[in-house]
Amino acid sequence: AQNGIPSPVGMFLASALLDFTLSIVIVRAHS
């Protein structure tokens, strides 16, 4: 939001998506 998405855009968006997905999957599966 502050600096824009660096290139390659897809890789950085995938990294952010992985962070959210990984944490949510960990919590739900562990529960």
PDB file of all heavy atoms in Angstrom:
ATOM      1  N   ALA A   1       0.824  -1.208   0.000  1.00  0.00           N
ATOM      2  CA  ALA A   1       0.000   0.000   0.000  1.00  0.00           C
ATOM      3  C   ALA A   1       0.861   1.261   0.000  1.00  0.00           C
ATOM      4  O   ALA A   1       0.532   2.249  -0.650  1.00  0.00           O
ATOM      5  CB  ALA A   1      -0.933   0.003   1.210  1.00  0.00           C
ATOM      6  N   GLN A   2       1.964   1.237   0.727  1.00  0.00           N
ATOM      7  CA  GLN A   2       2.817   2.421   0.834  1.00  0.00           C
ATOM      8  C   GLN A   2       3.807   2.561  -0.313  1.00  0.00           C
ATOM      9  O   GLN A   2       4.119   3.664  -0.736  1.00  0.00           O
ATOM     10  CB  GLN A   2       3.579   2.402   2.160  1.00  0.00           C
ATOM     11  CG  GLN A   2       2.700   2.638   3.353  1.00  0.00           C
ATOM     12  CD  GLN A   2       3.478   2.651   4.652  1.00  0.00           C
ATOM     13  OE1 GLN A   2       4.654   2.294   4.703  1.00  0.00           O
ATOM     14  NE2 GLN A   2       2.820   3.056   5.724  1.00  0.00           N
ATOM     15  N   ASN A   3       4.320   1.436  -0.806  1.00  0.00           N
ATOM     16  CA  ASN A   3       5.415   1.487  -1.781  1.00  0.00           C
ATOM     17  C   ASN A   3       5.081   0.879  -3.135  1.00  0.00           C
ATOM     18  O   ASN A   3       5.928   0.874  -4.023  1.00  0.00           O
ATOM     19  CB  ASN A   3       6.642   0.763  -1.209  1.00  0.00           C
ATOM     20  CG  ASN A   3       7.063   1.320   0.120  1.00  0.00           C
ATOM     21  OD1 ASN A   3       7.177   2.518   0.284  1.00  0.00           O
ATOM     22  ND2 ASN A   3       7.276   0.456   1.098  1.00  0.00           N
ATOM     23  N   GLY A   4       3.886   0.322  -3.283  1.00  0.00           N
ATOM     24  CA  GLY A   4       3.539  -0.400  -4.500  1.00  0.00           C
ATOM     25  C   GLY A   4       4.062  -1.822  -4.424  1.00  0.00           C
ATOM     26  O   GLY A   4       4.845  -2.171  -3.546  1.00  0.00           O
ATOM     27  N   ILE A   5       3.605  -2.631  -5.355  1.00  0.00           N
ATOM     28  CA  ILE A   5       4.026  -4.037  -5.377  1.00  0.00           C
ATOM     29  C   ILE A   5       5.253  -4.158  -6.271  1.00  0.00           C
ATOM     30  O   ILE A   5       5.221  -3.770  -7.433  1.00  0.00           O
ATOM     31  CB  ILE A   5       2.893  -4.942  -5.906  1.00  0.00           C
ATOM     32  CG1 ILE A   5       1.634  -4.768  -5.046  1.00  0.00           C
ATOM     33  CG2 ILE A   5       3.345  -6.407  -5.912  1.00  0.00           C
ATOM     34  CD1 ILE A   5       0.424  -5.494  -5.582  1.00  0.00           C
ATOM     35  N   PRO A   6       6.358  -4.685  -5.720  1.00  0.00           N
ATOM     36  CA  PRO A   6       7.574  -4.824  -6.537  1.00  0.00           C
ATOM     37  C   PRO A   6       7.390  -5.864  -7.644  1.00  0.00           C
ATOM     38  O   PRO A   6       6.462  -6.660  -7.619  1.00  0.00           O
ATOM     39  CB  PRO A   6       8.636  -5.272  -5.536  1.00  0.00           C
ATOM     40  CG  PRO A   6       7.983  -5.427  -4.225  1.00  0.00           C
ATOM     41  CD  PRO A   6       6.534  -5.147  -4.363  1.00  0.00           C
ATOM     42  N   SER A   7       8.295  -5.848  -8.569  1.00  0.00           N
ATOM     43  CA  SER A   7       8.287  -6.848  -9.646  1.00  0.00           C
ATOM     44  C   SER A   7       9.141  -8.027  -9.231  1.00  0.00           C
ATOM     45  O   SER A   7      10.148  -7.842  -8.531  1.00  0.00           O
ATOM     46  CB  SER A   7       8.857  -6.242 -10.921  1.00  0.00           C
ATOM     47  OG  SER A   7       7.983  -5.276 -11.413  1.00  0.00           O
ATOM     48  N   PRO A   8       8.793  -9.202  -9.603  1.00  0.00           N
ATOM     49  CA  PRO A   8       7.603  -9.592 -10.344  1.00  0.00           C
ATOM     50  C   PRO A   8       6.371  -9.590  -9.437  1.00  0.00           C
ATOM     51  O   PRO A   8       6.374 -10.186  -8.354  1.00  0.00           O
ATOM     52  CB  PRO A   8       7.920 -10.987 -10.861  1.00  0.00           C
ATOM     53  CG  PRO A   8       8.949 -11.526  -9.917  1.00  0.00           C
ATOM     54  CD  PRO A   8       9.691 -10.330  -9.372  1.00  0.00           C
ATOM     55  N   VAL A   9       5.326  -8.917  -9.884  1.00  0.00           N
ATOM     56  CA  VAL A   9       4.114  -8.718  -9.093  1.00  0.00           C
ATOM     57  C   VAL A   9       3.528 -10.044  -8.626  1.00  0.00           C
ATOM     58  O   VAL A   9       3.156 -10.196  -7.463  1.00  0.00           O
ATOM     59  CB  VAL A   9       3.079  -7.897  -9.900  1.00  0.00           C
ATOM     60  CG1 VAL A   9       1.747  -7.850  -9.195  1.00  0.00           C
ATOM     61  CG2 VAL A   9       3.611  -6.493 -10.159  1.00  0.00           C
ATOM     62  N   GLY A  10       3.449 -11.014  -9.520  1.00  0.00           N
ATOM     63  CA  GLY A  10       2.860 -12.304  -9.179  1.00  0.00           C
ATOM     64  C   GLY A  10       3.557 -12.988  -8.020  1.00  0.00           C
ATOM     65  O   GLY A  10       2.912 -13.567  -7.145  1.00  0.00           O
ATOM     66  N   MET A  11       4.874 -12.920  -7.990  1.00  0.00           N
ATOM     67  CA  MET A  11       5.631 -13.567  -6.925  1.00  0.00           C
ATOM     68  C   MET A  11       5.352 -12.903  -5.570  1.00  0.00           C
ATOM     69  O   MET A  11       5.152 -13.579  -4.568  1.00  0.00           O
ATOM     70  CB  MET A  11       7.133 -13.520  -7.204  1.00  0.00           C
ATOM     71  CG  MET A  11       7.949 -14.265  -6.168  1.00  0.00           C
ATOM     72  SD  MET A  11       9.714 -14.166  -6.438  1.00  0.00           S
ATOM     73  CE  MET A  11      10.066 -12.542  -5.802  1.00  0.00           C
ATOM     74  N   PHE A  12       5.291 -11.579  -5.560  1.00  0.00           N
ATOM     75  CA  PHE A  12       5.068 -10.884  -4.295  1.00  0.00           C
ATOM     76  C   PHE A  12       3.635 -11.047  -3.810  1.00  0.00           C
ATOM     77  O   PHE A  12       3.392 -11.180  -2.607  1.00  0.00           O
ATOM     78  CB  PHE A  12       5.474  -9.415  -4.412  1.00  0.00           C
ATOM     79  CG  PHE A  12       6.970  -9.237  -4.402  1.00  0.00           C
ATOM     80  CD1 PHE A  12       7.673  -9.105  -5.574  1.00  0.00           C
ATOM     81  CD2 PHE A  12       7.675  -9.249  -3.212  1.00  0.00           C
ATOM     82  CE1 PHE A  12       9.048  -8.972  -5.575  1.00  0.00           C
ATOM     83  CE2 PHE A  12       9.052  -9.124  -3.184  1.00  0.00           C
ATOM     84  CZ  PHE A  12       9.750  -8.980  -4.375  1.00  0.00           C
ATOM     85  N   LEU A  13       2.671 -11.055  -4.724  1.00  0.00           N
ATOM     86  CA  LEU A  13       1.292 -11.317  -4.326  1.00  0.00           C
ATOM     87  C   LEU A  13       1.137 -12.747  -3.813  1.00  0.00           C
ATOM     88  O   LEU A  13       0.438 -12.987  -2.820  1.00  0.00           O
ATOM     89  CB  LEU A  13       0.334 -11.060  -5.491  1.00  0.00           C
ATOM     90  CG  LEU A  13       0.098  -9.597  -5.846  1.00  0.00           C
ATOM     91  CD1 LEU A  13      -0.802  -9.490  -7.072  1.00  0.00           C
ATOM     92  CD2 LEU A  13      -0.506  -8.829  -4.672  1.00  0.00           C
ATOM     93  N   ALA A  14       1.807 -13.685  -4.467  1.00  0.00           N
ATOM     94  CA  ALA A  14       1.769 -15.081  -4.022  1.00  0.00           C
ATOM     95  C   ALA A  14       2.378 -15.224  -2.626  1.00  0.00           C
ATOM     96  O   ALA A  14       1.874 -15.992  -1.797  1.00  0.00           O
ATOM     97  CB  ALA A  14       2.489 -15.980  -5.017  1.00  0.00           C
ATOM     98  N   SER A  15       3.440 -14.465  -2.346  1.00  0.00           N
ATOM     99  CA  SER A  15       4.058 -14.514  -1.013  1.00  0.00           C
ATOM    100  C   SER A  15       3.086 -14.039   0.055  1.00  0.00           C
ATOM    101  O   SER A  15       2.968 -14.656   1.118  1.00  0.00           O
ATOM    102  CB  SER A  15       5.319 -13.650  -0.977  1.00  0.00           C
ATOM    103  OG  SER A  15       6.299 -14.175  -1.829  1.00  0.00           O
ATOM    104  N   ALA A  16       2.390 -12.943  -0.215  1.00  0.00           N
ATOM    105  CA  ALA A  16       1.414 -12.427   0.748  1.00  0.00           C
ATOM    106  C   ALA A  16       0.270 -13.420   0.927  1.00  0.00           C
ATOM    107  O   ALA A  16      -0.159 -13.697   2.059  1.00  0.00           O
ATOM    108  CB  ALA A  16       0.878 -11.072   0.294  1.00  0.00           C
ATOM    109  N   LEU A  17      -0.214 -13.977  -0.168  1.00  0.00           N
ATOM    110  CA  LEU A  17      -1.291 -14.961  -0.095  1.00  0.00           C
ATOM    111  C   LEU A  17      -0.841 -16.189   0.689  1.00  0.00           C
ATOM    112  O   LEU A  17      -1.603 -16.740   1.493  1.00  0.00           O
ATOM    113  CB  LEU A  17      -1.744 -15.355  -1.506  1.00  0.00           C
ATOM    114  CG  LEU A  17      -2.890 -16.347  -1.585  1.00  0.00           C
ATOM    115  CD1 LEU A  17      -4.149 -15.772  -0.943  1.00  0.00           C
ATOM    116  CD2 LEU A  17      -3.164 -16.708  -3.035  1.00  0.00           C
ATOM    117  N   LEU A  18       0.401 -16.618   0.486  1.00  0.00           N
ATOM    118  CA  LEU A  18       0.940 -17.760   1.224  1.00  0.00           C
ATOM    119  C   LEU A  18       0.966 -17.477   2.723  1.00  0.00           C
ATOM    120  O   LEU A  18       0.606 -18.337   3.530  1.00  0.00           O
ATOM    121  CB  LEU A  18       2.336 -18.123   0.719  1.00  0.00           C
ATOM    122  CG  LEU A  18       3.016 -19.293   1.438  1.00  0.00           C
ATOM    123  CD1 LEU A  18       2.219 -20.582   1.246  1.00  0.00           C
ATOM    124  CD2 LEU A  18       4.438 -19.461   0.927  1.00  0.00           C
ATOM    125  N   ASP A  19       1.366 -16.275   3.120  1.00  0.00           N
ATOM    126  CA  ASP A  19       1.404 -15.923   4.540  1.00  0.00           C
ATOM    127  C   ASP A  19       0.028 -16.083   5.182  1.00  0.00           C
ATOM    128  O   ASP A  19      -0.111 -16.688   6.248  1.00  0.00           O
ATOM    129  CB  ASP A  19       1.884 -14.485   4.744  1.00  0.00           C
ATOM    130  CG  ASP A  19       3.332 -14.279   4.354  1.00  0.00           C
ATOM    131  OD1 ASP A  19       4.092 -15.255   4.348  1.00  0.00           O
ATOM    132  OD2 ASP A  19       3.692 -13.120   4.039  1.00  0.00           O
ATOM    133  N   PHE A  20      -0.989 -15.532   4.530  1.00  0.00           N
ATOM    134  CA  PHE A  20      -2.341 -15.613   5.082  1.00  0.00           C
ATOM    135  C   PHE A  20      -2.880 -17.039   5.044  1.00  0.00           C
ATOM    136  O   PHE A  20      -3.428 -17.533   6.030  1.00  0.00           O
ATOM    137  CB  PHE A  20      -3.290 -14.667   4.341  1.00  0.00           C
ATOM    138  CG  PHE A  20      -3.004 -13.221   4.622  1.00  0.00           C
ATOM    139  CD1 PHE A  20      -2.603 -12.378   3.602  1.00  0.00           C
ATOM    140  CD2 PHE A  20      -3.124 -12.701   5.895  1.00  0.00           C
ATOM    141  CE1 PHE A  20      -2.327 -11.037   3.849  1.00  0.00           C
ATOM    142  CE2 PHE A  20      -2.851 -11.366   6.165  1.00  0.00           C
ATOM    143  CZ  PHE A  20      -2.450 -10.538   5.144  1.00  0.00           C
ATOM    144  N   THR A  21      -2.688 -17.708   3.924  1.00  0.00           N
ATOM    145  CA  THR A  21      -3.200 -19.071   3.773  1.00  0.00           C
ATOM    146  C   THR A  21      -2.526 -20.017   4.754  1.00  0.00           C
ATOM    147  O   THR A  21      -3.195 -20.811   5.428  1.00  0.00           O
ATOM    148  CB  THR A  21      -2.986 -19.562   2.325  1.00  0.00           C
ATOM    149  OG1 THR A  21      -3.629 -18.653   1.439  1.00  0.00           O
ATOM    150  CG2 THR A  21      -3.546 -20.950   2.131  1.00  0.00           C
ATOM    151  N   LEU A  22      -1.217 -19.933   4.851  1.00  0.00           N
ATOM    152  CA  LEU A  22      -0.463 -20.813   5.740  1.00  0.00           C
ATOM    153  C   LEU A  22      -0.925 -20.650   7.186  1.00  0.00           C
ATOM    154  O   LEU A  22      -1.187 -21.635   7.877  1.00  0.00           O
ATOM    155  CB  LEU A  22       1.032 -20.511   5.608  1.00  0.00           C
ATOM    156  CG  LEU A  22       2.029 -21.540   6.088  1.00  0.00           C
ATOM    157  CD1 LEU A  22       1.842 -22.860   5.363  1.00  0.00           C
ATOM    158  CD2 LEU A  22       3.440 -21.024   5.866  1.00  0.00           C
ATOM    159  N   SER A  23      -1.058 -19.418   7.643  1.00  0.00           N
ATOM    160  CA  SER A  23      -1.454 -19.199   9.035  1.00  0.00           C
ATOM    161  C   SER A  23      -2.877 -19.690   9.300  1.00  0.00           C
ATOM    162  O   SER A  23      -3.147 -20.306  10.335  1.00  0.00           O
ATOM    163  CB  SER A  23      -1.300 -17.725   9.418  1.00  0.00           C
ATOM    164  OG  SER A  23      -2.097 -16.905   8.586  1.00  0.00           O
ATOM    165  N   ILE A  24      -3.790 -19.456   8.370  1.00  0.00           N
ATOM    166  CA  ILE A  24      -5.175 -19.896   8.550  1.00  0.00           C
ATOM    167  C   ILE A  24      -5.272 -21.421   8.516  1.00  0.00           C
ATOM    168  O   ILE A  24      -5.960 -22.036   9.345  1.00  0.00           O
ATOM    169  CB  ILE A  24      -6.088 -19.244   7.491  1.00  0.00           C
ATOM    170  CG1 ILE A  24      -6.200 -17.739   7.776  1.00  0.00           C
ATOM    171  CG2 ILE A  24      -7.463 -19.903   7.454  1.00  0.00           C
ATOM    172  CD1 ILE A  24      -6.803 -16.930   6.646  1.00  0.00           C
ATOM    173  N   VAL A  25      -4.560 -22.047   7.602  1.00  0.00           N
ATOM    174  CA  VAL A  25      -4.570 -23.516   7.521  1.00  0.00           C
ATOM    175  C   VAL A  25      -3.979 -24.114   8.789  1.00  0.00           C
ATOM    176  O   VAL A  25      -4.516 -25.095   9.328  1.00  0.00           O
ATOM    177  CB  VAL A  25      -3.823 -24.008   6.261  1.00  0.00           C
ATOM    178  CG1 VAL A  25      -3.566 -25.511   6.310  1.00  0.00           C
ATOM    179  CG2 VAL A  25      -4.612 -23.648   5.016  1.00  0.00           C
ATOM    180  N   ILE A  26      -2.904 -23.543   9.304  1.00  0.00           N
ATOM    181  CA  ILE A  26      -2.301 -24.043  10.544  1.00  0.00           C
ATOM    182  C   ILE A  26      -3.311 -24.002  11.680  1.00  0.00           C
ATOM    183  O   ILE A  26      -3.505 -24.981  12.400  1.00  0.00           O
ATOM    184  CB  ILE A  26      -1.024 -23.246  10.905  1.00  0.00           C
ATOM    185  CG1 ILE A  26       0.121 -23.621   9.964  1.00  0.00           C
ATOM    186  CG2 ILE A  26      -0.613 -23.501  12.361  1.00  0.00           C
ATOM    187  CD1 ILE A  26       1.351 -22.723  10.091  1.00  0.00           C
ATOM    188  N   VAL A  27      -3.987 -22.880  11.853  1.00  0.00           N
ATOM    189  CA  VAL A  27      -4.944 -22.734  12.959  1.00  0.00           C
ATOM    190  C   VAL A  27      -6.108 -23.706  12.805  1.00  0.00           C
ATOM    191  O   VAL A  27      -6.486 -24.406  13.751  1.00  0.00           O
ATOM    192  CB  VAL A  27      -5.436 -21.272  13.062  1.00  0.00           C
ATOM    193  CG1 VAL A  27      -6.639 -21.154  13.984  1.00  0.00           C
ATOM    194  CG2 VAL A  27      -4.305 -20.376  13.541  1.00  0.00           C
ATOM    195  N   ARG A  28      -6.689 -23.764  11.628  1.00  0.00           N
ATOM    196  CA  ARG A  28      -7.862 -24.638  11.429  1.00  0.00           C
ATOM    197  C   ARG A  28      -7.492 -26.111  11.551  1.00  0.00           C
ATOM    198  O   ARG A  28      -8.190 -26.885  12.203  1.00  0.00           O
ATOM    199  CB  ARG A  28      -8.509 -24.348  10.084  1.00  0.00           C
ATOM    200  CG  ARG A  28      -9.074 -22.918  10.085  1.00  0.00           C
ATOM    201  CD  ARG A  28     -10.114 -22.677   9.108  1.00  0.00           C
ATOM    202  NE  ARG A  28     -11.243 -23.570   9.347  1.00  0.00           N
ATOM    203  CZ  ARG A  28     -12.273 -23.638   8.539  1.00  0.00           C
ATOM    204  NH1 ARG A  28     -12.302 -22.885   7.473  1.00  0.00           N
ATOM    205  NH2 ARG A  28     -13.269 -24.449   8.790  1.00  0.00           N
ATOM    206  N   ALA A  29      -6.397 -26.519  10.926  1.00  0.00           N
ATOM    207  CA  ALA A  29      -6.001 -27.924  10.981  1.00  0.00           C
ATOM    208  C   ALA A  29      -5.592 -28.326  12.396  1.00  0.00           C
ATOM    209  O   ALA A  29      -5.922 -29.425  12.860  1.00  0.00           O
ATOM    210  CB  ALA A  29      -4.876 -28.207   9.991  1.00  0.00           C
ATOM    211  N   HIS A  30      -4.903 -27.437  13.095  1.00  0.00           N
ATOM    212  CA  HIS A  30      -4.497 -27.773  14.459  1.00  0.00           C
ATOM    213  C   HIS A  30      -5.713 -27.870  15.375  1.00  0.00           C
ATOM    214  O   HIS A  30      -5.762 -28.749  16.243  1.00  0.00           O
ATOM    215  CB  HIS A  30      -3.488 -26.757  14.986  1.00  0.00           C
ATOM    216  CG  HIS A  30      -2.842 -27.180  16.263  1.00  0.00           C
ATOM    217  ND1 HIS A  30      -2.116 -28.343  16.387  1.00  0.00           N
ATOM    218  CD2 HIS A  30      -2.822 -26.607  17.489  1.00  0.00           C
ATOM    219  CE1 HIS A  30      -1.677 -28.462  17.622  1.00  0.00           C
ATOM    220  NE2 HIS A  30      -2.105 -27.424  18.307  1.00  0.00           N
ATOM    221  N   SER A  31      -6.674 -27.002  15.185  1.00  0.00           N
ATOM    222  CA  SER A  31      -7.912 -27.091  15.972  1.00  0.00           C
ATOM    223  C   SER A  31      -8.592 -28.438  15.740  1.00  0.00           C
ATOM    224  O   SER A  31      -9.064 -29.078  16.687  1.00  0.00           O
ATOM    225  CB  SER A  31      -8.868 -25.953  15.600  1.00  0.00           C
ATOM    226  OG  SER A  31      -8.317 -24.722  15.970  1.00  0.00           O
TER     227      SER A  31
END
